[in-house]
Protein backbone atom coordinates (compact mmCIF):
# COMPACT_ATOMS: atom_id res chain seq x y z
CA MET A 1 -0.24 -3.04 21.53
CA GLY A 2 -2.56 -1.56 18.94
CA LEU A 3 -3.74 -2.41 15.46
CA VAL A 4 -4.40 0.11 12.74
CA VAL A 5 -6.43 -0.14 9.57
CA ASN A 6 -5.93 2.24 6.66
CA CYS A 7 -8.88 4.57 6.20
CA SER A 8 -7.67 7.01 3.50
CA SER A 9 -4.70 7.80 1.33
CA VAL A 10 -3.07 10.94 0.00
CA PRO A 11 -0.34 11.43 -2.61
CA ALA A 12 3.00 10.79 -0.91
CA GLN A 13 6.50 9.51 -1.49
CA ASN A 14 5.44 6.17 0.01
CA PRO A 15 1.66 5.74 -0.47
CA TYR A 16 1.70 2.40 1.39
CA LEU A 17 2.88 4.12 4.57
CA GLN A 18 2.11 7.84 4.34
CA ARG A 19 -1.61 7.70 5.04
CA GLN A 20 -4.14 8.58 7.66
CA TRP A 21 -4.71 5.38 9.67
CA MET A 22 -7.82 4.60 11.72
CA LEU A 23 -7.05 3.02 15.08
CA VAL A 24 -9.35 0.04 15.70
CA SER A 25 -7.53 -1.74 18.54
CA PHE A 26 -5.94 -0.21 21.62
CA GLU A 27 -5.70 -1.59 25.14
CA GLY A 28 -8.47 -0.28 27.39
CA PHE A 29 -10.76 0.84 24.55
CA THR A 30 -13.43 -0.98 22.55
CA LYS A 31 -13.40 -0.87 18.75
CA ASP A 32 -16.75 0.98 18.82
CA LYS A 33 -15.34 3.65 21.17
CA LEU A 34 -12.25 4.15 18.99
CA ILE A 35 -14.40 4.52 15.88
CA ALA A 36 -16.84 6.89 17.62
CA ASP A 37 -13.94 9.05 18.85
CA LYS A 38 -12.30 9.00 15.39
CA ALA A 39 -9.03 7.64 16.78
CA GLU A 40 -6.29 7.96 14.17
CA ILE A 41 -2.60 8.07 13.40
CA ASN A 42 -1.72 10.52 10.65
CA LEU A 43 1.47 9.95 8.65
CA THR A 44 0.61 12.17 5.67
CA SER A 45 3.40 14.73 6.18
CA LYS A 46 6.29 14.90 3.75
CA MET A 47 9.06 12.38 4.45
CA GLU A 48 12.41 14.10 5.01
CA ASN A 49 15.63 12.16 5.62
CA GLY A 50 13.63 8.98 6.24
CA LYS A 51 11.47 10.66 8.93
CA ILE A 52 7.81 11.66 9.00
CA GLN A 53 6.33 14.19 11.41
CA GLY A 54 3.19 12.34 12.51
CA SER A 55 0.26 12.95 14.81
CA ALA A 56 -2.21 10.84 16.73
CA TYR A 57 -5.73 11.71 17.86
CA LEU A 58 -8.17 10.06 20.28
CA GLY A 59 -11.24 11.96 21.47
CA CYS A 60 -9.97 15.30 22.78
CA ASN A 61 -6.32 14.21 23.07
CA GLN A 62 -3.79 14.87 20.34
CA MET A 63 -0.06 14.26 20.25
CA SER A 64 2.69 14.67 17.69
CA PHE A 65 5.78 12.58 17.11
CA THR A 66 8.56 11.94 14.64
CA SER A 67 8.66 8.49 13.07
CA GLU A 68 11.73 7.02 11.44
CA PHE A 69 11.75 4.01 9.14
CA LYS A 70 14.94 2.26 8.17
CA LYS A 71 15.20 -0.34 5.42
CA GLY A 72 16.55 -3.74 6.41
CA GLU A 73 16.35 -3.12 10.16
CA LYS A 74 13.87 -4.45 12.71
C-alpha cells in the first residue's frame, strides 16, 4: 500500500485528481529513497470517457496504465 502527496498541478478537467503526484510511501522503500529517485504517478493526461492514461516512475523503471474513476462506487 502506498501513499502519494501532490507535488504539482496542471490545467485539467478535474484539477483535484489530474496532477503529477510524488510517491512518498511504498513498501520496501524509504521516503528519502523515493524522493531521491523522483518516484511519481502522473495523471495529467486528458480524461476520456472517465479514464485517464497514467504513468508511474521510480528510478529507472517506468510503467503506464489506464485508470478509471466512477462516481458513487467504491
